[in-house]
All heavy atoms as atom14 arrays in JSON, in Angstrom:
{
  "sequence": "QAAKIRIDVDGRQRLAELICDGVLIATPAGSTAYNLSAHGPIVPLSAN",
  "atom14_mask": [
    [1, 1, 1, 1, 1, 1, 1, 1, 1, 0, 0, 0, 0, 0],
    [1, 1, 1, 1, 1, 0, 0, 0, 0, 0, 0, 0, 0, 0],
    [1, 1, 1, 1, 1, 0, 0, 0, 0, 0, 0, 0, 0, 0],
    [1, 1, 1, 1, 1, 1, 1, 1, 1, 0, 0, 0, 0, 0],
    [1, 1, 1, 1, 1, 1, 1, 1, 0, 0, 0, 0, 0, 0],
    [1, 1, 1, 1, 1, 1, 1, 1, 1, 1, 1, 0, 0, 0],
    [1, 1, 1, 1, 1, 1, 1, 1, 0, 0, 0, 0, 0, 0],
    [1, 1, 1, 1, 1, 1, 1, 1, 0, 0, 0, 0, 0, 0],
    [1, 1, 1, 1, 1, 1, 1, 0, 0, 0, 0, 0, 0, 0],
    [1, 1, 1, 1, 1, 1, 1, 1, 0, 0, 0, 0, 0, 0],
    [1, 1, 1, 1, 0, 0, 0, 0, 0, 0, 0, 0, 0, 0],
    [1, 1, 1, 1, 1, 1, 1, 1, 1, 1, 1, 0, 0, 0],
    [1, 1, 1, 1, 1, 1, 1, 1, 1, 0, 0, 0, 0, 0],
    [1, 1, 1, 1, 1, 1, 1, 1, 1, 1, 1, 0, 0, 0],
    [1, 1, 1, 1, 1, 1, 1, 1, 0, 0, 0, 0, 0, 0],
    [1, 1, 1, 1, 1, 0, 0, 0, 0, 0, 0, 0, 0, 0],
    [1, 1, 1, 1, 1, 1, 1, 1, 1, 0, 0, 0, 0, 0],
    [1, 1, 1, 1, 1, 1, 1, 1, 0, 0, 0, 0, 0, 0],
    [1, 1, 1, 1, 1, 1, 1, 1, 0, 0, 0, 0, 0, 0],
    [1, 1, 1, 1, 1, 1, 0, 0, 0, 0, 0, 0, 0, 0],
    [1, 1, 1, 1, 1, 1, 1, 1, 0, 0, 0, 0, 0, 0],
    [1, 1, 1, 1, 0, 0, 0, 0, 0, 0, 0, 0, 0, 0],
    [1, 1, 1, 1, 1, 1, 1, 0, 0, 0, 0, 0, 0, 0],
    [1, 1, 1, 1, 1, 1, 1, 1, 0, 0, 0, 0, 0, 0],
    [1, 1, 1, 1, 1, 1, 1, 1, 0, 0, 0, 0, 0, 0],
    [1, 1, 1, 1, 1, 0, 0, 0, 0, 0, 0, 0, 0, 0],
    [1, 1, 1, 1, 1, 1, 1, 0, 0, 0, 0, 0, 0, 0],
    [1, 1, 1, 1, 1, 1, 1, 0, 0, 0, 0, 0, 0, 0],
    [1, 1, 1, 1, 1, 0, 0, 0, 0, 0, 0, 0, 0, 0],
    [1, 1, 1, 1, 0, 0, 0, 0, 0, 0, 0, 0, 0, 0],
    [1, 1, 1, 1, 1, 1, 0, 0, 0, 0, 0, 0, 0, 0],
    [1, 1, 1, 1, 1, 1, 1, 0, 0, 0, 0, 0, 0, 0],
    [1, 1, 1, 1, 1, 0, 0, 0, 0, 0, 0, 0, 0, 0],
    [1, 1, 1, 1, 1, 1, 1, 1, 1, 1, 1, 1, 0, 0],
    [1, 1, 1, 1, 1, 1, 1, 1, 0, 0, 0, 0, 0, 0],
    [1, 1, 1, 1, 1, 1, 1, 1, 0, 0, 0, 0, 0, 0],
    [1, 1, 1, 1, 1, 1, 0, 0, 0, 0, 0, 0, 0, 0],
    [1, 1, 1, 1, 1, 0, 0, 0, 0, 0, 0, 0, 0, 0],
    [1, 1, 1, 1, 1, 1, 1, 1, 1, 1, 0, 0, 0, 0],
    [1, 1, 1, 1, 0, 0, 0, 0, 0, 0, 0, 0, 0, 0],
    [1, 1, 1, 1, 1, 1, 1, 0, 0, 0, 0, 0, 0, 0],
    [1, 1, 1, 1, 1, 1, 1, 1, 0, 0, 0, 0, 0, 0],
    [1, 1, 1, 1, 1, 1, 1, 0, 0, 0, 0, 0, 0, 0],
    [1, 1, 1, 1, 1, 1, 1, 0, 0, 0, 0, 0, 0, 0],
    [1, 1, 1, 1, 1, 1, 1, 1, 0, 0, 0, 0, 0, 0],
    [1, 1, 1, 1, 1, 1, 0, 0, 0, 0, 0, 0, 0, 0],
    [1, 1, 1, 1, 1, 0, 0, 0, 0, 0, 0, 0, 0, 0],
    [1, 1, 1, 1, 1, 1, 1, 1, 0, 0, 0, 0, 0, 0]
  ],
  "atom14_positions": [
    [[206.25, 115.88, 319.16], [205.39, 117.05, 319.3], [205.64, 118.03, 318.16], [206.78, 118.32, 317.8], [205.66, 117.76, 320.63], [205.32, 116.94, 321.87], [203.83, 117.04, 322.21], [203.04, 117.59, 321.46], [203.46, 116.5, 323.36], [0.0, 0.0, 0.0], [0.0, 0.0, 0.0], [0.0, 0.0, 0.0], [0.0, 0.0, 0.0], [0.0, 0.0, 0.0]],
    [[204.56, 118.55, 317.58], [204.69, 119.59, 316.56], [205.35, 120.83, 317.16], [205.21, 121.12, 318.35], [203.32, 119.96, 315.99], [0.0, 0.0, 0.0], [0.0, 0.0, 0.0], [0.0, 0.0, 0.0], [0.0, 0.0, 0.0], [0.0, 0.0, 0.0], [0.0, 0.0, 0.0], [0.0, 0.0, 0.0], [0.0, 0.0, 0.0], [0.0, 0.0, 0.0]],
    [[206.07, 121.55, 316.33], [206.7, 122.8, 316.77], [205.68, 123.94, 316.74], [204.74, 123.93, 315.94], [207.88, 123.14, 315.87], [0.0, 0.0, 0.0], [0.0, 0.0, 0.0], [0.0, 0.0, 0.0], [0.0, 0.0, 0.0], [0.0, 0.0, 0.0], [0.0, 0.0, 0.0], [0.0, 0.0, 0.0], [0.0, 0.0, 0.0], [0.0, 0.0, 0.0]],
    [[205.89, 124.91, 317.62], [205.12, 126.15, 317.6], [206.11, 127.3, 317.45], [206.99, 127.47, 318.3], [204.28, 126.31, 318.87], [203.11, 125.34, 318.96], [202.2, 125.67, 320.15], [200.98, 124.77, 320.2], [200.09, 125.1, 321.34], [0.0, 0.0, 0.0], [0.0, 0.0, 0.0], [0.0, 0.0, 0.0], [0.0, 0.0, 0.0], [0.0, 0.0, 0.0]],
    [[205.95, 128.08, 316.38], [206.95, 129.07, 316.02], [206.28, 130.39, 315.69], [205.3, 130.43, 314.93], [207.79, 128.59, 314.8], [208.45, 127.25, 315.11], [208.82, 129.63, 314.39], [209.11, 126.6, 313.9], [0.0, 0.0, 0.0], [0.0, 0.0, 0.0], [0.0, 0.0, 0.0], [0.0, 0.0, 0.0], [0.0, 0.0, 0.0], [0.0, 0.0, 0.0]],
    [[206.79, 131.47, 316.28], [206.34, 132.81, 315.91], [207.29, 133.37, 314.85], [208.5, 133.16, 314.91], [206.34, 133.73, 317.14], [205.68, 135.1, 316.84], [205.67, 136.0, 318.06], [206.98, 136.58, 318.32], [207.53, 136.66, 319.53], [206.92, 136.15, 320.58], [208.71, 137.22, 319.69], [0.0, 0.0, 0.0], [0.0, 0.0, 0.0], [0.0, 0.0, 0.0]],
    [[206.72, 134.1, 313.88], [207.53, 134.63, 312.78], [207.45, 136.15, 312.78], [206.35, 136.74, 312.7], [207.05, 134.08, 311.42], [207.14, 132.55, 311.42], [207.89, 134.66, 310.3], [206.58, 131.92, 310.16], [0.0, 0.0, 0.0], [0.0, 0.0, 0.0], [0.0, 0.0, 0.0], [0.0, 0.0, 0.0], [0.0, 0.0, 0.0], [0.0, 0.0, 0.0]],
    [[208.62, 136.8, 312.87], [208.72, 138.26, 312.75], [209.58, 138.59, 311.54], [210.61, 137.93, 311.3], [209.35, 138.85, 314.01], [208.49, 138.66, 315.24], [208.63, 137.61, 315.9], [207.7, 139.56, 315.54], [0.0, 0.0, 0.0], [0.0, 0.0, 0.0], [0.0, 0.0, 0.0], [0.0, 0.0, 0.0], [0.0, 0.0, 0.0], [0.0, 0.0, 0.0]],
    [[209.18, 139.6, 310.79], [209.94, 140.07, 309.62], [210.21, 141.56, 309.79], [209.26, 142.35, 309.97], [209.18, 139.81, 308.3], [210.0, 140.31, 307.12], [208.88, 138.32, 308.15], [0.0, 0.0, 0.0], [0.0, 0.0, 0.0], [0.0, 0.0, 0.0], [0.0, 0.0, 0.0], [0.0, 0.0, 0.0], [0.0, 0.0, 0.0], [0.0, 0.0, 0.0]],
    [[211.48, 141.92, 309.78], [211.89, 143.32, 309.94], [211.29, 143.93, 311.21], [210.81, 145.07, 311.23], [211.51, 144.15, 308.72], [212.29, 143.75, 307.48], [213.45, 143.3, 307.64], [211.75, 143.85, 306.37], [0.0, 0.0, 0.0], [0.0, 0.0, 0.0], [0.0, 0.0, 0.0], [0.0, 0.0, 0.0], [0.0, 0.0, 0.0], [0.0, 0.0, 0.0]],
    [[211.3, 143.14, 312.3], [210.84, 143.62, 313.59], [209.33, 143.67, 313.77], [208.85, 144.12, 314.81], [0.0, 0.0, 0.0], [0.0, 0.0, 0.0], [0.0, 0.0, 0.0], [0.0, 0.0, 0.0], [0.0, 0.0, 0.0], [0.0, 0.0, 0.0], [0.0, 0.0, 0.0], [0.0, 0.0, 0.0], [0.0, 0.0, 0.0], [0.0, 0.0, 0.0]],
    [[208.59, 143.17, 312.8], [207.13, 143.2, 312.89], [206.59, 141.77, 312.91], [206.96, 140.97, 312.05], [206.55, 143.96, 311.7], [205.03, 144.07, 311.72], [204.55, 144.95, 310.58], [203.1, 145.05, 310.56], [202.42, 145.74, 309.65], [203.07, 146.42, 308.7], [201.1, 145.79, 309.67], [0.0, 0.0, 0.0], [0.0, 0.0, 0.0], [0.0, 0.0, 0.0]],
    [[205.74, 141.47, 313.86], [205.17, 140.13, 313.94], [204.25, 139.88, 312.75], [203.34, 140.66, 312.47], [204.38, 139.95, 315.23], [203.77, 138.56, 315.37], [203.07, 138.36, 316.7], [203.71, 138.34, 317.74], [201.75, 138.25, 316.66], [0.0, 0.0, 0.0], [0.0, 0.0, 0.0], [0.0, 0.0, 0.0], [0.0, 0.0, 0.0], [0.0, 0.0, 0.0]],
    [[204.53, 138.79, 312.02], [203.72, 138.45, 310.86], [202.86, 137.22, 311.09], [201.81, 137.08, 310.47], [204.64, 138.21, 309.65], [205.32, 139.46, 309.13], [204.3, 140.46, 308.62], [204.94, 141.65, 308.05], [204.26, 142.65, 307.49], [202.93, 142.6, 307.45], [204.89, 143.69, 307.01], [0.0, 0.0, 0.0], [0.0, 0.0, 0.0], [0.0, 0.0, 0.0]],
    [[203.3, 136.32, 311.95], [202.52, 135.14, 312.27], [202.73, 134.82, 313.74], [203.86, 134.52, 314.15], [202.94, 133.96, 311.39], [201.96, 132.79, 311.25], [200.6, 133.26, 310.72], [202.54, 131.73, 310.33], [0.0, 0.0, 0.0], [0.0, 0.0, 0.0], [0.0, 0.0, 0.0], [0.0, 0.0, 0.0], [0.0, 0.0, 0.0], [0.0, 0.0, 0.0]],
    [[201.66, 134.91, 314.52], [201.79, 134.75, 315.97], [202.14, 133.31, 316.35], [202.88, 133.08, 317.3], [200.51, 135.18, 316.66], [0.0, 0.0, 0.0], [0.0, 0.0, 0.0], [0.0, 0.0, 0.0], [0.0, 0.0, 0.0], [0.0, 0.0, 0.0], [0.0, 0.0, 0.0], [0.0, 0.0, 0.0], [0.0, 0.0, 0.0], [0.0, 0.0, 0.0]],
    [[201.6, 132.34, 315.59], [201.86, 130.95, 315.95], [201.7, 130.07, 314.71], [200.6, 129.97, 314.16], [200.92, 130.49, 317.05], [201.17, 129.06, 317.51], [200.21, 128.63, 318.61], [199.1, 128.15, 318.28], [200.57, 128.8, 319.79], [0.0, 0.0, 0.0], [0.0, 0.0, 0.0], [0.0, 0.0, 0.0], [0.0, 0.0, 0.0], [0.0, 0.0, 0.0]],
    [[202.79, 129.45, 314.29], [202.77, 128.45, 313.24], [202.97, 127.09, 313.89], [204.0, 126.85, 314.53], [203.88, 128.72, 312.21], [204.1, 127.63, 311.14], [202.87, 127.51, 310.25], [205.35, 127.95, 310.32], [0.0, 0.0, 0.0], [0.0, 0.0, 0.0], [0.0, 0.0, 0.0], [0.0, 0.0, 0.0], [0.0, 0.0, 0.0], [0.0, 0.0, 0.0]],
    [[201.99, 126.21, 313.77], [202.11, 124.84, 314.29], [202.49, 123.96, 313.12], [201.75, 123.88, 312.12], [200.78, 124.38, 314.93], [200.34, 125.36, 316.01], [200.95, 122.98, 315.51], [198.99, 125.03, 316.61], [0.0, 0.0, 0.0], [0.0, 0.0, 0.0], [0.0, 0.0, 0.0], [0.0, 0.0, 0.0], [0.0, 0.0, 0.0], [0.0, 0.0, 0.0]],
    [[203.63, 123.29, 313.22], [204.2, 122.67, 312.03], [205.27, 121.66, 312.4], [205.67, 121.55, 313.56], [204.83, 123.76, 311.15], [206.1, 124.7, 312.05], [0.0, 0.0, 0.0], [0.0, 0.0, 0.0], [0.0, 0.0, 0.0], [0.0, 0.0, 0.0], [0.0, 0.0, 0.0], [0.0, 0.0, 0.0], [0.0, 0.0, 0.0], [0.0, 0.0, 0.0]],
    [[205.75, 120.93, 311.39], [206.95, 120.14, 311.57], [208.19, 121.03, 311.54], [209.21, 120.73, 312.15], [207.08, 119.08, 310.48], [206.23, 117.85, 310.76], [205.65, 117.76, 311.86], [206.13, 116.98, 309.87], [0.0, 0.0, 0.0], [0.0, 0.0, 0.0], [0.0, 0.0, 0.0], [0.0, 0.0, 0.0], [0.0, 0.0, 0.0], [0.0, 0.0, 0.0]],
    [[208.1, 122.14, 310.8], [209.23, 123.06, 310.7], [208.95, 124.18, 309.74], [207.82, 124.34, 309.24], [0.0, 0.0, 0.0], [0.0, 0.0, 0.0], [0.0, 0.0, 0.0], [0.0, 0.0, 0.0], [0.0, 0.0, 0.0], [0.0, 0.0, 0.0], [0.0, 0.0, 0.0], [0.0, 0.0, 0.0], [0.0, 0.0, 0.0], [0.0, 0.0, 0.0]],
    [[209.98, 124.95, 309.44], [209.87, 126.08, 308.53], [211.26, 126.36, 307.97], [212.27, 126.04, 308.6], [209.3, 127.32, 309.27], [210.25, 127.81, 310.36], [208.96, 128.45, 308.29], [0.0, 0.0, 0.0], [0.0, 0.0, 0.0], [0.0, 0.0, 0.0], [0.0, 0.0, 0.0], [0.0, 0.0, 0.0], [0.0, 0.0, 0.0], [0.0, 0.0, 0.0]],
    [[211.32, 126.91, 306.76], [212.63, 127.17, 306.16], [212.63, 128.47, 305.39], [211.59, 128.97, 304.96], [213.05, 126.01, 305.26], [212.28, 125.72, 303.96], [212.77, 126.58, 302.8], [212.4, 124.26, 303.58], [0.0, 0.0, 0.0], [0.0, 0.0, 0.0], [0.0, 0.0, 0.0], [0.0, 0.0, 0.0], [0.0, 0.0, 0.0], [0.0, 0.0, 0.0]],
    [[213.83, 129.0, 305.22], [214.1, 130.1, 304.3], [215.2, 129.64, 303.36], [216.23, 129.12, 303.8], [214.53, 131.38, 305.03], [213.41, 131.89, 305.92], [214.93, 132.46, 304.03], [213.76, 133.17, 306.66], [0.0, 0.0, 0.0], [0.0, 0.0, 0.0], [0.0, 0.0, 0.0], [0.0, 0.0, 0.0], [0.0, 0.0, 0.0], [0.0, 0.0, 0.0]],
    [[214.98, 129.81, 302.06], [215.95, 129.35, 301.07], [216.52, 130.52, 300.28], [215.88, 131.57, 300.16], [215.3, 128.36, 300.1], [0.0, 0.0, 0.0], [0.0, 0.0, 0.0], [0.0, 0.0, 0.0], [0.0, 0.0, 0.0], [0.0, 0.0, 0.0], [0.0, 0.0, 0.0], [0.0, 0.0, 0.0], [0.0, 0.0, 0.0], [0.0, 0.0, 0.0]],
    [[217.72, 130.34, 299.77], [218.26, 131.26, 298.78], [217.59, 130.94, 297.44], [217.0, 129.86, 297.27], [219.77, 131.08, 298.64], [220.04, 129.76, 298.11], [220.48, 131.24, 299.98], [0.0, 0.0, 0.0], [0.0, 0.0, 0.0], [0.0, 0.0, 0.0], [0.0, 0.0, 0.0], [0.0, 0.0, 0.0], [0.0, 0.0, 0.0], [0.0, 0.0, 0.0]],
    [[217.68, 131.83, 296.44], [217.17, 131.47, 295.12], [217.82, 130.19, 294.57], [217.12, 129.33, 294.03], [217.52, 132.7, 294.27], [217.48, 133.83, 295.25], [218.05, 133.27, 296.51], [0.0, 0.0, 0.0], [0.0, 0.0, 0.0], [0.0, 0.0, 0.0], [0.0, 0.0, 0.0], [0.0, 0.0, 0.0], [0.0, 0.0, 0.0], [0.0, 0.0, 0.0]],
    [[219.14, 130.06, 294.74], [219.81, 128.85, 294.26], [219.31, 127.62, 295.0], [219.22, 126.53, 294.44], [221.32, 128.99, 294.42], [0.0, 0.0, 0.0], [0.0, 0.0, 0.0], [0.0, 0.0, 0.0], [0.0, 0.0, 0.0], [0.0, 0.0, 0.0], [0.0, 0.0, 0.0], [0.0, 0.0, 0.0], [0.0, 0.0, 0.0], [0.0, 0.0, 0.0]],
    [[218.97, 127.77, 296.29], [218.48, 126.66, 297.08], [216.98, 126.44, 296.99], [216.47, 125.47, 297.57], [0.0, 0.0, 0.0], [0.0, 0.0, 0.0], [0.0, 0.0, 0.0], [0.0, 0.0, 0.0], [0.0, 0.0, 0.0], [0.0, 0.0, 0.0], [0.0, 0.0, 0.0], [0.0, 0.0, 0.0], [0.0, 0.0, 0.0], [0.0, 0.0, 0.0]],
    [[216.29, 127.29, 296.25], [214.83, 127.17, 296.19], [214.38, 125.93, 295.45], [213.22, 125.51, 295.57], [214.21, 128.43, 295.55], [214.55, 128.52, 294.16], [0.0, 0.0, 0.0], [0.0, 0.0, 0.0], [0.0, 0.0, 0.0], [0.0, 0.0, 0.0], [0.0, 0.0, 0.0], [0.0, 0.0, 0.0], [0.0, 0.0, 0.0], [0.0, 0.0, 0.0]],
    [[215.29, 125.3, 294.67], [214.93, 124.08, 293.95], [215.25, 122.82, 294.76], [215.06, 121.71, 294.26], [215.69, 124.0, 292.61], [217.1, 124.0, 292.86], [215.35, 125.19, 291.72], [0.0, 0.0, 0.0], [0.0, 0.0, 0.0], [0.0, 0.0, 0.0], [0.0, 0.0, 0.0], [0.0, 0.0, 0.0], [0.0, 0.0, 0.0], [0.0, 0.0, 0.0]],
    [[215.74, 122.99, 295.98], [216.14, 121.83, 296.8], [215.05, 121.52, 297.83], [213.92, 121.2, 297.48], [217.49, 122.12, 297.46], [0.0, 0.0, 0.0], [0.0, 0.0, 0.0], [0.0, 0.0, 0.0], [0.0, 0.0, 0.0], [0.0, 0.0, 0.0], [0.0, 0.0, 0.0], [0.0, 0.0, 0.0], [0.0, 0.0, 0.0], [0.0, 0.0, 0.0]],
    [[215.37, 121.59, 299.12], [214.41, 121.26, 300.18], [213.15, 122.11, 300.06], [212.03, 121.65, 300.27], [215.09, 121.45, 301.53], [214.36, 120.88, 302.73], [213.2, 120.13, 302.61], [214.86, 121.07, 304.01], [212.54, 119.61, 303.71], [214.22, 120.55, 305.13], [213.06, 119.82, 304.97], [212.42, 119.3, 306.06], [0.0, 0.0, 0.0], [0.0, 0.0, 0.0]],
    [[213.33, 123.39, 299.73], [212.2, 124.3, 299.58], [211.17, 123.77, 298.58], [209.97, 123.79, 298.83], [212.71, 125.68, 299.16], [211.59, 126.63, 298.81], [210.87, 127.11, 299.66], [211.44, 126.9, 297.51], [0.0, 0.0, 0.0], [0.0, 0.0, 0.0], [0.0, 0.0, 0.0], [0.0, 0.0, 0.0], [0.0, 0.0, 0.0], [0.0, 0.0, 0.0]],
    [[211.65, 123.28, 297.45], [210.74, 122.75, 296.43], [210.05, 121.48, 296.93], [208.85, 121.28, 296.69], [211.51, 122.47, 295.14], [210.69, 121.93, 293.96], [209.58, 122.9, 293.59], [211.6, 121.67, 292.76], [0.0, 0.0, 0.0], [0.0, 0.0, 0.0], [0.0, 0.0, 0.0], [0.0, 0.0, 0.0], [0.0, 0.0, 0.0], [0.0, 0.0, 0.0]],
    [[210.79, 120.63, 297.64], [210.19, 119.4, 298.19], [209.1, 119.72, 299.21], [208.16, 118.95, 299.38], [211.27, 118.54, 298.85], [212.23, 118.12, 297.9], [0.0, 0.0, 0.0], [0.0, 0.0, 0.0], [0.0, 0.0, 0.0], [0.0, 0.0, 0.0], [0.0, 0.0, 0.0], [0.0, 0.0, 0.0], [0.0, 0.0, 0.0], [0.0, 0.0, 0.0]],
    [[209.23, 120.86, 299.88], [208.22, 121.29, 300.85], [207.11, 122.12, 300.19], [206.33, 122.77, 300.88], [208.88, 122.11, 301.96], [0.0, 0.0, 0.0], [0.0, 0.0, 0.0], [0.0, 0.0, 0.0], [0.0, 0.0, 0.0], [0.0, 0.0, 0.0], [0.0, 0.0, 0.0], [0.0, 0.0, 0.0], [0.0, 0.0, 0.0], [0.0, 0.0, 0.0]],
    [[207.06, 122.08, 298.85], [206.04, 122.77, 298.05], [206.2, 124.29, 298.08], [205.23, 125.03, 297.92], [204.63, 122.37, 298.5], [204.4, 120.9, 298.54], [204.35, 120.13, 297.4], [204.24, 120.04, 299.59], [204.16, 118.86, 297.73], [204.11, 118.78, 299.05], [0.0, 0.0, 0.0], [0.0, 0.0, 0.0], [0.0, 0.0, 0.0], [0.0, 0.0, 0.0]],
    [[207.44, 124.75, 298.28], [207.72, 126.18, 298.18], [207.97, 126.59, 296.74], [208.22, 125.75, 295.87], [0.0, 0.0, 0.0], [0.0, 0.0, 0.0], [0.0, 0.0, 0.0], [0.0, 0.0, 0.0], [0.0, 0.0, 0.0], [0.0, 0.0, 0.0], [0.0, 0.0, 0.0], [0.0, 0.0, 0.0], [0.0, 0.0, 0.0], [0.0, 0.0, 0.0]],
    [[207.93, 127.88, 296.44], [208.11, 128.36, 295.07], [209.58, 128.36, 294.65], [210.47, 128.58, 295.46], [207.56, 129.79, 295.13], [207.83, 130.22, 296.54], [207.65, 128.98, 297.38], [0.0, 0.0, 0.0], [0.0, 0.0, 0.0], [0.0, 0.0, 0.0], [0.0, 0.0, 0.0], [0.0, 0.0, 0.0], [0.0, 0.0, 0.0], [0.0, 0.0, 0.0]],
    [[209.81, 128.11, 293.37], [211.13, 128.28, 292.79], [211.33, 129.77, 292.5], [210.44, 130.43, 291.97], [211.27, 127.46, 291.51], [211.18, 125.97, 291.82], [212.58, 127.77, 290.8], [211.18, 125.07, 290.6], [0.0, 0.0, 0.0], [0.0, 0.0, 0.0], [0.0, 0.0, 0.0], [0.0, 0.0, 0.0], [0.0, 0.0, 0.0], [0.0, 0.0, 0.0]],
    [[212.5, 130.3, 292.86], [212.76, 131.73, 292.73], [213.91, 131.97, 291.75], [215.0, 131.43, 291.94], [213.11, 132.35, 294.1], [213.44, 133.82, 293.96], [211.96, 132.16, 295.08], [0.0, 0.0, 0.0], [0.0, 0.0, 0.0], [0.0, 0.0, 0.0], [0.0, 0.0, 0.0], [0.0, 0.0, 0.0], [0.0, 0.0, 0.0], [0.0, 0.0, 0.0]],
    [[213.71, 132.75, 290.69], [214.8, 133.08, 289.77], [215.92, 133.83, 290.5], [215.68, 134.55, 291.47], [214.13, 133.99, 288.73], [212.68, 133.63, 288.79], [212.42, 133.29, 290.24], [0.0, 0.0, 0.0], [0.0, 0.0, 0.0], [0.0, 0.0, 0.0], [0.0, 0.0, 0.0], [0.0, 0.0, 0.0], [0.0, 0.0, 0.0], [0.0, 0.0, 0.0]],
    [[217.14, 133.68, 290.0], [218.3, 134.31, 290.65], [218.16, 135.82, 290.72], [218.6, 136.45, 291.68], [219.58, 133.96, 289.89], [220.15, 132.55, 290.04], [221.45, 132.44, 289.28], [220.37, 132.21, 291.5], [0.0, 0.0, 0.0], [0.0, 0.0, 0.0], [0.0, 0.0, 0.0], [0.0, 0.0, 0.0], [0.0, 0.0, 0.0], [0.0, 0.0, 0.0]],
    [[217.57, 136.42, 289.69], [217.52, 137.89, 289.62], [216.33, 138.48, 290.36], [216.12, 139.7, 290.32], [217.44, 138.32, 288.14], [216.3, 137.75, 287.51], [0.0, 0.0, 0.0], [0.0, 0.0, 0.0], [0.0, 0.0, 0.0], [0.0, 0.0, 0.0], [0.0, 0.0, 0.0], [0.0, 0.0, 0.0], [0.0, 0.0, 0.0], [0.0, 0.0, 0.0]],
    [[215.54, 137.66, 291.05], [214.28, 138.14, 291.62], [214.45, 138.95, 292.9], [213.52, 139.64, 293.32], [213.35, 136.97, 291.88], [0.0, 0.0, 0.0], [0.0, 0.0, 0.0], [0.0, 0.0, 0.0], [0.0, 0.0, 0.0], [0.0, 0.0, 0.0], [0.0, 0.0, 0.0], [0.0, 0.0, 0.0], [0.0, 0.0, 0.0], [0.0, 0.0, 0.0]],
    [[215.61, 138.86, 293.57], [215.81, 139.56, 294.85], [214.76, 139.15, 295.88], [214.28, 139.97, 296.66], [215.77, 141.08, 294.67], [216.97, 141.58, 293.9], [218.03, 140.99, 293.94], [216.77, 142.66, 293.16], [0.0, 0.0, 0.0], [0.0, 0.0, 0.0], [0.0, 0.0, 0.0], [0.0, 0.0, 0.0], [0.0, 0.0, 0.0], [0.0, 0.0, 0.0]]
  ]
}
């Protein structure tokens, strides 16, 4: 079964329902790993 996930950022709901296999948050150093394979953006170290 696909997952259903609500996403809140800084206490504010940003996405009521994401239907997906999953979701991730990466560090800048980790943005070239699983994040990149999932078609996420590469983030420079200094980007904050």
